[in-house]
């Protein structure tokens, strides 16, 4: 069994939506990023890469490479899942914690979980992942720090993997 931790933090800027787990959620803020800024997908990918000892997303998708500008972060998760399978590991579960004052994400969580499952299942159709293996929780920072002031967002993800 392997466990990995992924952490991602981004600045928030004025905008009209925020992308989380492949969903563009209407909002007055957006995530400032080189890619599409999907902080949940970034933390998932880093947690999987960490669990298999394969570095981090910056090793594969550096922000200094113009080819990664506005990159769909789904591609980043797909790479990490492929590397996990190639290394002989399957997903046990993901536990995701999003620290964000607004927007509230409760009405989007089930679709977020489905989107994550879809990535795993499209890459490895014989190793089924269902939504019970994915947990997404959100928390504010009670108006404290850069998160509380609405200046930034952080996401943590712990991935648990087991041998195929």
N, C-alpha and C. Protein backbone atom coordinates (compact mmCIF):
# COMPACT_ATOMS: atom_id res chain seq x y z
N UNK A 1 0.84 -1.19 0.00
CA UNK A 1 0.00 0.00 0.00
C UNK A 1 0.88 1.24 0.00
N UNK A 2 0.44 2.27 -0.68
CA UNK A 2 1.15 3.54 -0.74
C UNK A 2 0.19 4.69 -0.42
N UNK A 3 0.74 5.76 0.16
CA UNK A 3 -0.03 6.95 0.47
C UNK A 3 0.75 8.16 -0.02
N UNK A 4 0.05 9.12 -0.64
CA UNK A 4 0.70 10.34 -1.11
C UNK A 4 -0.12 11.55 -0.74
N UNK A 5 0.56 12.67 -0.53
CA UNK A 5 -0.08 13.93 -0.20
C UNK A 5 0.15 14.93 -1.32
N UNK A 6 -0.92 15.53 -1.79
CA UNK A 6 -0.82 16.60 -2.78
C UNK A 6 -1.33 17.89 -2.19
N UNK A 7 -0.61 18.97 -2.42
CA UNK A 7 -1.00 20.29 -1.92
C UNK A 7 -0.84 21.28 -3.07
N UNK A 8 -1.84 22.11 -3.26
CA UNK A 8 -1.73 23.15 -4.27
C UNK A 8 -2.37 24.43 -3.75
N UNK A 9 -1.74 25.55 -4.03
CA UNK A 9 -2.24 26.86 -3.61
C UNK A 9 -2.16 27.80 -4.80
N UNK A 10 -3.19 28.59 -4.97
CA UNK A 10 -3.21 29.58 -6.06
C UNK A 10 -3.81 30.89 -5.56
N UNK A 11 -3.42 31.94 -6.23
CA UNK A 11 -3.99 33.27 -5.99
C UNK A 11 -5.36 33.34 -6.66
N UNK A 12 -6.27 34.07 -6.03
CA UNK A 12 -7.57 34.33 -6.62
C UNK A 12 -7.59 35.73 -7.21
N UNK A 13 -8.27 35.86 -8.35
CA UNK A 13 -8.40 37.15 -9.03
C UNK A 13 -9.87 37.35 -9.41
N UNK A 14 -10.21 38.56 -9.80
CA UNK A 14 -11.58 38.82 -10.27
C UNK A 14 -11.85 37.97 -11.51
N UNK A 15 -13.07 37.47 -11.59
CA UNK A 15 -13.43 36.64 -12.74
C UNK A 15 -14.91 36.34 -12.74
N UNK A 16 -15.29 35.37 -13.57
CA UNK A 16 -16.71 35.01 -13.64
C UNK A 16 -16.96 33.54 -13.33
N UNK A 17 -15.89 32.77 -13.11
CA UNK A 17 -16.07 31.36 -12.71
C UNK A 17 -14.78 30.83 -12.12
N UNK A 18 -14.92 29.75 -11.38
CA UNK A 18 -13.77 29.05 -10.81
C UNK A 18 -13.90 27.59 -11.21
N UNK A 19 -12.83 27.01 -11.75
CA UNK A 19 -12.87 25.62 -12.21
C UNK A 19 -12.40 24.70 -11.10
N UNK A 20 -13.27 23.75 -10.72
CA UNK A 20 -12.96 22.76 -9.69
C UNK A 20 -13.45 21.40 -10.16
N UNK A 21 -12.55 20.45 -10.23
CA UNK A 21 -12.87 19.09 -10.70
C UNK A 21 -13.59 19.11 -12.04
N UNK A 22 -13.10 19.96 -12.94
CA UNK A 22 -13.65 20.00 -14.28
C UNK A 22 -14.94 20.77 -14.45
N UNK A 23 -15.41 21.40 -13.39
CA UNK A 23 -16.67 22.15 -13.45
C UNK A 23 -16.37 23.64 -13.32
N UNK A 24 -16.91 24.42 -14.23
CA UNK A 24 -16.79 25.87 -14.15
C UNK A 24 -17.96 26.39 -13.32
N UNK A 25 -17.67 26.75 -12.08
CA UNK A 25 -18.68 27.18 -11.13
C UNK A 25 -18.80 28.71 -11.21
N UNK A 26 -20.01 29.22 -11.45
CA UNK A 26 -20.17 30.68 -11.50
C UNK A 26 -19.68 31.33 -10.21
N UNK A 27 -18.92 32.41 -10.37
CA UNK A 27 -18.33 33.07 -9.21
C UNK A 27 -17.83 34.44 -9.63
N UNK A 28 -17.55 35.28 -8.66
CA UNK A 28 -16.95 36.58 -8.95
C UNK A 28 -15.43 36.49 -8.93
N UNK A 29 -14.89 35.28 -8.74
CA UNK A 29 -13.44 35.06 -8.68
C UNK A 29 -13.05 33.96 -9.65
N UNK A 30 -11.77 33.97 -10.00
CA UNK A 30 -11.15 32.92 -10.79
C UNK A 30 -9.80 32.61 -10.16
N UNK A 31 -9.26 31.46 -10.54
CA UNK A 31 -7.94 31.07 -10.05
C UNK A 31 -6.89 31.55 -11.05
N UNK A 32 -5.88 32.25 -10.54
CA UNK A 32 -4.76 32.69 -11.37
C UNK A 32 -3.81 31.50 -11.53
N UNK A 33 -3.59 31.10 -12.78
CA UNK A 33 -2.75 29.93 -13.01
C UNK A 33 -2.24 29.92 -14.44
N UNK A 34 -1.20 29.15 -14.68
CA UNK A 34 -0.67 28.97 -16.03
C UNK A 34 -1.58 28.02 -16.81
N UNK A 35 -2.05 26.96 -16.14
CA UNK A 35 -2.99 26.03 -16.76
C UNK A 35 -4.41 26.56 -16.54
N UNK A 36 -5.41 25.68 -16.57
CA UNK A 36 -6.78 26.12 -16.29
C UNK A 36 -7.01 26.37 -14.80
N UNK A 37 -6.02 26.05 -13.97
CA UNK A 37 -6.08 26.37 -12.55
C UNK A 37 -6.95 25.45 -11.70
N UNK A 38 -7.27 24.26 -12.22
CA UNK A 38 -8.13 23.34 -11.47
C UNK A 38 -7.35 22.76 -10.29
N UNK A 39 -7.43 23.45 -9.18
CA UNK A 39 -6.63 23.15 -7.99
C UNK A 39 -6.93 21.76 -7.41
N UNK A 40 -8.16 21.29 -7.55
CA UNK A 40 -8.48 19.94 -7.06
C UNK A 40 -7.76 18.91 -7.91
N UNK A 41 -7.84 19.04 -9.24
CA UNK A 41 -7.13 18.10 -10.11
C UNK A 41 -5.62 18.15 -9.86
N UNK A 42 -5.07 19.34 -9.61
CA UNK A 42 -3.63 19.45 -9.35
C UNK A 42 -3.24 18.69 -8.08
N UNK A 43 -4.01 18.85 -7.03
CA UNK A 43 -3.66 18.17 -5.77
C UNK A 43 -3.86 16.66 -5.89
N UNK A 44 -4.85 16.22 -6.66
CA UNK A 44 -5.03 14.78 -6.90
C UNK A 44 -3.81 14.22 -7.60
N UNK A 45 -3.40 14.88 -8.69
CA UNK A 45 -2.25 14.39 -9.45
C UNK A 45 -0.99 14.33 -8.59
N UNK A 46 -0.73 15.37 -7.82
CA UNK A 46 0.46 15.37 -6.97
C UNK A 46 0.39 14.29 -5.89
N UNK A 47 -0.80 14.02 -5.36
CA UNK A 47 -0.90 12.98 -4.33
C UNK A 47 -0.61 11.60 -4.92
N UNK A 48 -1.08 11.36 -6.12
CA UNK A 48 -0.82 10.06 -6.78
C UNK A 48 0.66 9.94 -7.14
N UNK A 49 1.22 11.00 -7.74
CA UNK A 49 2.64 10.96 -8.09
C UNK A 49 3.50 10.78 -6.84
N UNK A 50 3.11 11.42 -5.75
CA UNK A 50 3.85 11.26 -4.50
C UNK A 50 3.78 9.84 -3.98
N UNK A 51 2.62 9.23 -4.08
CA UNK A 51 2.45 7.87 -3.57
C UNK A 51 3.32 6.86 -4.31
N UNK A 52 3.59 7.12 -5.59
CA UNK A 52 4.41 6.17 -6.36
C UNK A 52 5.85 6.65 -6.50
N UNK A 53 6.19 7.76 -5.85
CA UNK A 53 7.55 8.27 -5.89
C UNK A 53 7.96 8.80 -7.26
N UNK A 54 7.01 9.46 -7.95
CA UNK A 54 7.27 9.90 -9.32
C UNK A 54 7.30 11.42 -9.46
N UNK A 55 7.75 12.12 -8.42
CA UNK A 55 7.89 13.56 -8.51
C UNK A 55 6.60 14.31 -8.32
N UNK A 56 6.45 15.41 -9.07
CA UNK A 56 5.25 16.24 -8.95
C UNK A 56 4.86 16.77 -10.33
N UNK A 57 3.73 17.43 -10.40
CA UNK A 57 3.23 17.85 -11.72
C UNK A 57 4.15 18.85 -12.41
N UNK A 58 4.91 19.62 -11.64
CA UNK A 58 5.86 20.55 -12.24
C UNK A 58 6.96 19.85 -13.03
N UNK A 59 7.25 18.60 -12.69
CA UNK A 59 8.24 17.83 -13.44
C UNK A 59 7.74 17.50 -14.85
N UNK A 60 6.45 17.36 -15.00
CA UNK A 60 5.85 16.93 -16.27
C UNK A 60 5.18 18.09 -17.03
N UNK A 61 4.70 19.08 -16.29
CA UNK A 61 3.97 20.20 -16.88
C UNK A 61 4.48 21.52 -16.31
N UNK A 62 5.73 21.87 -16.58
CA UNK A 62 6.28 23.11 -15.99
C UNK A 62 5.56 24.35 -16.49
N UNK A 63 5.40 25.33 -15.60
CA UNK A 63 4.73 26.56 -16.00
C UNK A 63 5.63 27.44 -16.86
N UNK A 64 6.86 27.03 -17.07
CA UNK A 64 7.77 27.74 -17.97
C UNK A 64 7.61 27.29 -19.41
N UNK A 65 6.83 26.24 -19.64
CA UNK A 65 6.59 25.71 -20.98
C UNK A 65 5.30 26.30 -21.53
N UNK A 66 5.41 27.05 -22.62
CA UNK A 66 4.23 27.70 -23.20
C UNK A 66 3.19 26.69 -23.69
N UNK A 67 3.58 25.45 -23.94
CA UNK A 67 2.61 24.41 -24.34
C UNK A 67 1.61 24.10 -23.24
N UNK A 68 1.96 24.46 -22.01
CA UNK A 68 1.08 24.19 -20.87
C UNK A 68 0.15 25.36 -20.54
N UNK A 69 0.24 26.43 -21.30
CA UNK A 69 -0.62 27.59 -21.06
C UNK A 69 -2.08 27.20 -21.29
N UNK A 70 -2.93 27.44 -20.30
CA UNK A 70 -4.36 27.13 -20.34
C UNK A 70 -4.64 25.63 -20.50
N UNK A 71 -3.69 24.79 -20.12
CA UNK A 71 -3.84 23.33 -20.22
C UNK A 71 -5.03 22.83 -19.41
N UNK A 72 -5.80 21.92 -19.98
CA UNK A 72 -6.89 21.26 -19.26
C UNK A 72 -6.26 20.35 -18.22
N UNK A 73 -6.50 20.63 -16.95
CA UNK A 73 -5.87 19.88 -15.86
C UNK A 73 -6.29 18.42 -15.81
N UNK A 74 -7.34 18.05 -16.50
CA UNK A 74 -7.71 16.64 -16.61
C UNK A 74 -6.54 15.84 -17.17
N UNK A 75 -5.79 16.44 -18.11
CA UNK A 75 -4.64 15.78 -18.72
C UNK A 75 -3.58 15.47 -17.66
N UNK A 76 -3.44 16.35 -16.69
CA UNK A 76 -2.47 16.16 -15.62
C UNK A 76 -2.87 14.96 -14.76
N UNK A 77 -4.15 14.86 -14.42
CA UNK A 77 -4.62 13.71 -13.63
C UNK A 77 -4.48 12.42 -14.45
N UNK A 78 -4.82 12.47 -15.72
CA UNK A 78 -4.70 11.28 -16.57
C UNK A 78 -3.27 10.74 -16.57
N UNK A 79 -2.29 11.64 -16.67
CA UNK A 79 -0.89 11.21 -16.63
C UNK A 79 -0.56 10.51 -15.32
N UNK A 80 -1.01 11.08 -14.20
CA UNK A 80 -0.69 10.50 -12.90
C UNK A 80 -1.36 9.12 -12.73
N UNK A 81 -2.58 8.98 -13.22
CA UNK A 81 -3.27 7.69 -13.14
C UNK A 81 -2.54 6.65 -13.99
N UNK A 82 -2.14 7.02 -15.19
CA UNK A 82 -1.39 6.10 -16.06
C UNK A 82 -0.09 5.67 -15.40
N UNK A 83 0.63 6.62 -14.82
CA UNK A 83 1.89 6.30 -14.15
C UNK A 83 1.65 5.38 -12.95
N UNK A 84 0.56 5.60 -12.23
CA UNK A 84 0.23 4.73 -11.11
C UNK A 84 -0.01 3.30 -11.58
N UNK A 85 -0.81 3.15 -12.62
CA UNK A 85 -1.08 1.81 -13.15
C UNK A 85 0.20 1.16 -13.67
N UNK A 86 1.02 1.93 -14.38
CA UNK A 86 2.30 1.41 -14.90
C UNK A 86 3.21 0.95 -13.77
N UNK A 87 3.11 1.62 -12.62
CA UNK A 87 3.92 1.26 -11.45
C UNK A 87 3.30 0.11 -10.67
N UNK A 88 2.10 -0.33 -11.07
CA UNK A 88 1.47 -1.47 -10.42
C UNK A 88 0.55 -1.12 -9.27
N UNK A 89 -0.02 0.09 -9.27
CA UNK A 89 -0.87 0.51 -8.16
C UNK A 89 -2.24 0.99 -8.63
N UNK A 90 -3.25 0.62 -7.84
CA UNK A 90 -4.64 1.02 -8.06
C UNK A 90 -5.09 1.95 -6.94
N UNK A 91 -6.10 2.72 -7.23
CA UNK A 91 -6.65 3.63 -6.23
C UNK A 91 -7.46 2.88 -5.18
N UNK A 92 -7.17 3.17 -3.91
CA UNK A 92 -8.04 2.75 -2.81
C UNK A 92 -9.05 3.87 -2.55
N UNK A 93 -8.51 5.09 -2.34
CA UNK A 93 -9.40 6.23 -2.11
C UNK A 93 -8.63 7.53 -2.21
N UNK A 94 -9.40 8.61 -2.39
CA UNK A 94 -8.88 9.97 -2.34
C UNK A 94 -9.65 10.72 -1.27
N UNK A 95 -8.95 11.50 -0.46
CA UNK A 95 -9.58 12.38 0.51
C UNK A 95 -9.10 13.79 0.20
N UNK A 96 -10.04 14.64 -0.21
CA UNK A 96 -9.72 15.98 -0.72
C UNK A 96 -10.29 17.03 0.23
N UNK A 97 -9.47 18.02 0.58
CA UNK A 97 -9.91 19.12 1.43
C UNK A 97 -9.61 20.43 0.71
N UNK A 98 -10.66 21.17 0.42
CA UNK A 98 -10.56 22.45 -0.27
C UNK A 98 -10.76 23.57 0.74
N UNK A 99 -9.83 24.51 0.79
CA UNK A 99 -9.93 25.66 1.69
C UNK A 99 -10.23 26.89 0.84
N UNK A 100 -11.47 27.37 0.94
CA UNK A 100 -11.96 28.43 0.08
C UNK A 100 -13.15 29.11 0.76
N UNK A 101 -13.14 30.43 0.80
CA UNK A 101 -14.25 31.16 1.42
C UNK A 101 -15.51 31.11 0.57
N UNK A 102 -15.37 31.33 -0.72
CA UNK A 102 -16.51 31.30 -1.62
C UNK A 102 -16.01 31.00 -3.02
N UNK A 103 -16.82 30.42 -3.86
CA UNK A 103 -18.22 30.07 -3.70
C UNK A 103 -18.38 28.77 -2.90
N UNK A 104 -19.56 28.54 -2.42
CA UNK A 104 -19.88 27.28 -1.75
C UNK A 104 -19.97 26.19 -2.82
N UNK A 105 -19.48 25.00 -2.52
CA UNK A 105 -19.42 23.95 -3.53
C UNK A 105 -20.34 22.77 -3.25
N UNK A 106 -21.13 22.81 -2.19
CA UNK A 106 -21.92 21.64 -1.79
C UNK A 106 -22.80 21.11 -2.91
N UNK A 107 -23.39 21.98 -3.71
CA UNK A 107 -24.28 21.50 -4.77
C UNK A 107 -23.52 20.89 -5.95
N UNK A 108 -22.20 21.05 -5.97
CA UNK A 108 -21.39 20.54 -7.08
C UNK A 108 -20.60 19.28 -6.72
N UNK A 109 -20.57 18.92 -5.45
CA UNK A 109 -19.71 17.82 -5.00
C UNK A 109 -19.98 16.49 -5.71
N UNK A 110 -21.23 16.13 -5.89
CA UNK A 110 -21.51 14.83 -6.52
C UNK A 110 -21.01 14.81 -7.96
N UNK A 111 -21.15 15.90 -8.70
CA UNK A 111 -20.64 15.94 -10.07
C UNK A 111 -19.11 15.96 -10.07
N UNK A 112 -18.51 16.64 -9.11
CA UNK A 112 -17.05 16.65 -8.99
C UNK A 112 -16.53 15.24 -8.80
N UNK A 113 -17.15 14.49 -7.88
CA UNK A 113 -16.73 13.12 -7.62
C UNK A 113 -16.90 12.25 -8.86
N UNK A 114 -18.00 12.45 -9.57
CA UNK A 114 -18.24 11.69 -10.80
C UNK A 114 -17.16 11.99 -11.84
N UNK A 115 -16.81 13.26 -11.99
CA UNK A 115 -15.77 13.64 -12.95
C UNK A 115 -14.44 12.98 -12.63
N UNK A 116 -14.11 12.92 -11.35
CA UNK A 116 -12.86 12.27 -10.93
C UNK A 116 -12.92 10.78 -11.24
N UNK A 117 -14.01 10.14 -10.90
CA UNK A 117 -14.17 8.71 -11.20
C UNK A 117 -14.07 8.44 -12.69
N UNK A 118 -14.67 9.30 -13.49
CA UNK A 118 -14.64 9.12 -14.94
C UNK A 118 -13.22 9.07 -15.48
N UNK A 119 -12.34 9.91 -14.95
CA UNK A 119 -10.94 9.91 -15.40
C UNK A 119 -10.31 8.55 -15.13
N UNK A 120 -10.45 8.06 -13.90
CA UNK A 120 -9.87 6.76 -13.55
C UNK A 120 -10.47 5.65 -14.41
N UNK A 121 -11.77 5.66 -14.57
CA UNK A 121 -12.45 4.57 -15.29
C UNK A 121 -12.19 4.59 -16.79
N UNK A 122 -11.96 5.74 -17.36
CA UNK A 122 -11.63 5.82 -18.78
C UNK A 122 -10.23 5.30 -19.06
N UNK A 123 -9.34 5.45 -18.11
CA UNK A 123 -7.96 4.99 -18.30
C UNK A 123 -7.83 3.51 -18.00
N UNK A 124 -8.57 3.04 -17.02
CA UNK A 124 -8.48 1.63 -16.63
C UNK A 124 -9.88 1.08 -16.43
N UNK A 125 -10.53 0.75 -17.53
CA UNK A 125 -11.93 0.33 -17.48
C UNK A 125 -12.14 -0.97 -16.71
N UNK A 126 -11.10 -1.79 -16.55
CA UNK A 126 -11.28 -3.04 -15.81
C UNK A 126 -11.02 -2.89 -14.32
N UNK A 127 -10.59 -1.72 -13.88
CA UNK A 127 -10.33 -1.44 -12.46
C UNK A 127 -11.27 -0.33 -12.01
N UNK A 128 -12.51 -0.66 -11.76
CA UNK A 128 -13.57 0.32 -11.55
C UNK A 128 -13.38 1.15 -10.27
N UNK A 129 -13.54 2.46 -10.42
CA UNK A 129 -13.52 3.41 -9.30
C UNK A 129 -14.92 4.00 -9.19
N UNK A 130 -15.48 3.99 -7.97
CA UNK A 130 -16.79 4.61 -7.80
C UNK A 130 -16.72 5.77 -6.82
N UNK A 131 -17.80 6.52 -6.74
CA UNK A 131 -17.79 7.76 -5.96
C UNK A 131 -17.59 7.53 -4.46
N UNK A 132 -17.83 6.31 -3.98
CA UNK A 132 -17.59 6.05 -2.56
C UNK A 132 -16.10 6.05 -2.23
N UNK A 133 -15.25 6.02 -3.25
CA UNK A 133 -13.80 6.03 -3.05
C UNK A 133 -13.22 7.45 -3.06
N UNK A 134 -14.09 8.42 -3.29
CA UNK A 134 -13.67 9.82 -3.39
C UNK A 134 -14.41 10.63 -2.34
N UNK A 135 -13.69 11.39 -1.54
CA UNK A 135 -14.32 12.29 -0.58
C UNK A 135 -13.84 13.71 -0.86
N UNK A 136 -14.79 14.63 -0.92
CA UNK A 136 -14.47 16.05 -1.10
C UNK A 136 -15.13 16.82 0.03
N UNK A 137 -14.30 17.56 0.74
CA UNK A 137 -14.84 18.42 1.79
C UNK A 137 -14.27 19.82 1.59
N UNK A 138 -15.05 20.79 1.97
CA UNK A 138 -14.63 22.18 1.84
C UNK A 138 -14.71 22.85 3.19
N UNK A 139 -13.80 23.79 3.39
CA UNK A 139 -13.78 24.53 4.64
C UNK A 139 -13.35 25.95 4.36
N UNK A 140 -13.84 26.86 5.15
CA UNK A 140 -13.36 28.23 5.09
C UNK A 140 -12.24 28.36 6.12
N UNK A 141 -11.63 29.50 6.18
CA UNK A 141 -10.64 29.73 7.23
C UNK A 141 -11.14 30.76 8.22
N UNK A 142 -12.48 30.88 8.32
CA UNK A 142 -13.10 31.77 9.29
C UNK A 142 -12.56 33.19 9.19
N UNK A 143 -12.38 33.66 7.96
CA UNK A 143 -11.91 35.02 7.66
C UNK A 143 -10.47 35.29 8.07
N UNK A 144 -9.69 34.24 8.31
CA UNK A 144 -8.30 34.41 8.70
C UNK A 144 -7.37 34.19 7.51
N UNK A 145 -6.28 34.95 7.46
CA UNK A 145 -5.23 34.74 6.47
C UNK A 145 -5.66 35.03 5.04
N UNK A 146 -4.80 34.61 4.08
CA UNK A 146 -5.06 34.90 2.67
C UNK A 146 -6.32 34.21 2.17
N UNK A 147 -6.66 33.07 2.72
CA UNK A 147 -7.89 32.39 2.31
C UNK A 147 -9.09 33.18 2.84
N UNK A 148 -9.06 33.56 4.08
CA UNK A 148 -10.15 34.31 4.69
C UNK A 148 -10.39 35.67 4.04
N UNK A 149 -9.32 36.27 3.55
CA UNK A 149 -9.46 37.56 2.87
C UNK A 149 -9.89 37.38 1.41
N UNK A 150 -10.02 36.14 0.95
CA UNK A 150 -10.43 35.88 -0.43
C UNK A 150 -9.32 36.11 -1.44
N UNK A 151 -8.08 36.05 -0.97
CA UNK A 151 -6.93 36.28 -1.86
C UNK A 151 -6.41 35.00 -2.49
N UNK A 152 -6.73 33.86 -1.89
CA UNK A 152 -6.17 32.61 -2.39
C UNK A 152 -7.00 31.42 -1.99
N UNK A 153 -6.60 30.28 -2.53
CA UNK A 153 -7.26 29.00 -2.30
C UNK A 153 -6.18 27.93 -2.16
N UNK A 154 -6.42 26.96 -1.30
CA UNK A 154 -5.51 25.83 -1.12
C UNK A 154 -6.32 24.55 -1.15
N UNK A 155 -5.73 23.53 -1.73
CA UNK A 155 -6.37 22.21 -1.74
C UNK A 155 -5.35 21.15 -1.33
N UNK A 156 -5.79 20.26 -0.46
CA UNK A 156 -5.00 19.12 -0.02
C UNK A 156 -5.69 17.85 -0.51
N UNK A 157 -4.90 16.87 -0.90
CA UNK A 157 -5.45 15.57 -1.27
C UNK A 157 -4.53 14.48 -0.77
N UNK A 158 -5.11 13.48 -0.13
CA UNK A 158 -4.38 12.28 0.24
C UNK A 158 -4.90 11.15 -0.64
N UNK A 159 -3.96 10.49 -1.31
CA UNK A 159 -4.29 9.33 -2.14
C UNK A 159 -3.77 8.08 -1.46
N UNK A 160 -4.61 7.08 -1.41
CA UNK A 160 -4.21 5.76 -0.93
C UNK A 160 -4.28 4.81 -2.13
N UNK A 161 -3.16 4.14 -2.38
CA UNK A 161 -3.05 3.21 -3.51
C UNK A 161 -2.66 1.83 -3.00
N UNK A 162 -3.06 0.80 -3.72
CA UNK A 162 -2.64 -0.55 -3.36
C UNK A 162 -2.11 -1.27 -4.59
N UNK A 163 -1.36 -2.33 -4.35
CA UNK A 163 -0.80 -3.12 -5.46
C UNK A 163 -1.93 -3.72 -6.30
N UNK A 164 -1.66 -3.78 -7.60
CA UNK A 164 -2.63 -4.40 -8.51
C UNK A 164 -2.70 -5.89 -8.22
